[in-house]
Amino acid sequence: MMSALQPEMDSAVNPHSTTPSSNSSNTNSDLTYSCDGRVYCSEMNSCEEATFFLNNCPNTKMDGDYDGIPCENQWCSR
């Protein structure tokens, strides 16, 4: 049973996994992340992962200047 706070996930993807999983093709748009309670840049592994969390997960603390780009010092440098 899925709680109201969990995003709908493909049944083949472990909703508790923080490792991106890919479908048959290997493009960035196929990577899947899940909201798992991480909120800080130090808990991320890539700019793409931080961006997913910023755009899809509640209570993140990854965009101090509110410009829409997370973790600029750690992962998403300009």
Protein backbone atom coordinates (compact mmCIF):
# COMPACT_ATOMS: atom_id res chain seq x y z
CA MET A 1 0.00 0.00 0.00
CA MET A 2 1.40 3.41 -0.98
CA SER A 3 1.06 6.34 1.42
CA ALA A 4 -0.30 9.64 0.21
CA LEU A 5 3.13 11.25 0.67
CA GLN A 6 5.02 8.82 -1.55
CA PRO A 7 5.28 9.61 -5.27
CA GLU A 8 3.82 7.03 -7.60
CA MET A 9 6.62 4.68 -8.64
CA ASP A 10 7.06 2.03 -11.30
CA SER A 11 6.62 -1.37 -9.61
CA ALA A 12 10.05 -2.44 -10.89
CA VAL A 13 11.77 0.36 -8.95
CA ASN A 14 12.46 -0.02 -5.24
CA PRO A 15 10.84 3.10 -3.70
CA HIS A 16 13.41 3.05 -0.89
CA SER A 17 16.40 3.01 -3.22
CA THR A 18 18.47 6.16 -3.59
CA THR A 19 20.50 4.76 -6.45
CA PRO A 20 19.24 5.82 -9.85
CA SER A 21 17.94 2.99 -11.95
CA SER A 22 17.60 3.13 -15.69
CA ASN A 23 15.24 1.59 -18.17
CA SER A 24 16.46 -0.22 -21.29
CA SER A 25 17.92 2.94 -22.83
CA ASN A 26 20.71 4.76 -21.05
CA THR A 27 19.78 8.44 -21.23
CA ASN A 28 19.59 10.95 -18.39
CA SER A 29 15.83 11.32 -18.77
CA ASP A 30 15.44 7.64 -17.88
CA LEU A 31 17.03 7.95 -14.43
CA THR A 32 14.64 7.63 -11.52
CA TYR A 33 15.15 8.95 -7.99
CA SER A 34 12.82 8.81 -5.02
CA CYS A 35 12.16 11.23 -2.18
CA ASP A 36 13.64 9.52 0.85
CA GLY A 37 13.98 12.29 3.39
CA ARG A 38 17.38 13.64 2.35
CA VAL A 39 17.35 17.43 2.27
CA TYR A 40 20.99 18.64 2.21
CA CYS A 41 23.60 18.90 -0.57
CA SER A 42 26.00 16.80 1.49
CA GLU A 43 23.53 13.92 1.10
CA MET A 44 23.44 14.11 -2.71
CA ASN A 45 25.64 12.27 -5.21
CA SER A 46 25.22 14.46 -8.31
CA CYS A 47 23.75 17.69 -9.65
CA GLU A 48 21.04 15.69 -11.39
CA GLU A 49 20.02 14.00 -8.15
CA ALA A 50 20.02 17.34 -6.26
CA THR A 51 17.89 18.91 -8.99
CA PHE A 52 15.38 16.05 -8.76
CA PHE A 53 15.14 16.49 -4.99
CA LEU A 54 14.76 20.27 -5.24
CA ASN A 55 12.00 20.00 -7.83
CA ASN A 56 10.10 17.03 -6.42
CA CYS A 57 10.68 16.56 -2.70
CA PRO A 58 9.43 18.56 0.30
CA ASN A 59 11.55 20.57 2.73
CA THR A 60 14.84 20.50 0.81
CA LYS A 61 17.57 22.88 1.91
CA MET A 62 19.67 22.94 -1.26
CA ASP A 63 18.97 26.33 -2.84
CA GLY A 64 20.00 29.05 -0.40
CA ASP A 65 19.74 31.87 -2.93
CA TYR A 66 16.41 30.60 -4.39
CA ASP A 67 17.61 30.73 -7.99
CA GLY A 68 16.38 27.22 -8.82
CA ILE A 69 19.89 25.75 -8.98
CA PRO A 70 20.66 23.40 -6.08
CA CYS A 71 24.03 22.71 -4.49
CA GLU A 72 25.98 25.29 -6.48
CA ASN A 73 29.10 24.90 -4.35
CA GLN A 74 29.09 21.09 -4.29
CA TRP A 75 27.45 19.73 -7.45
CA CYS A 76 25.87 22.25 -9.80
CA SER A 77 28.56 24.86 -10.40
CA ARG A 78 27.91 27.37 -13.13
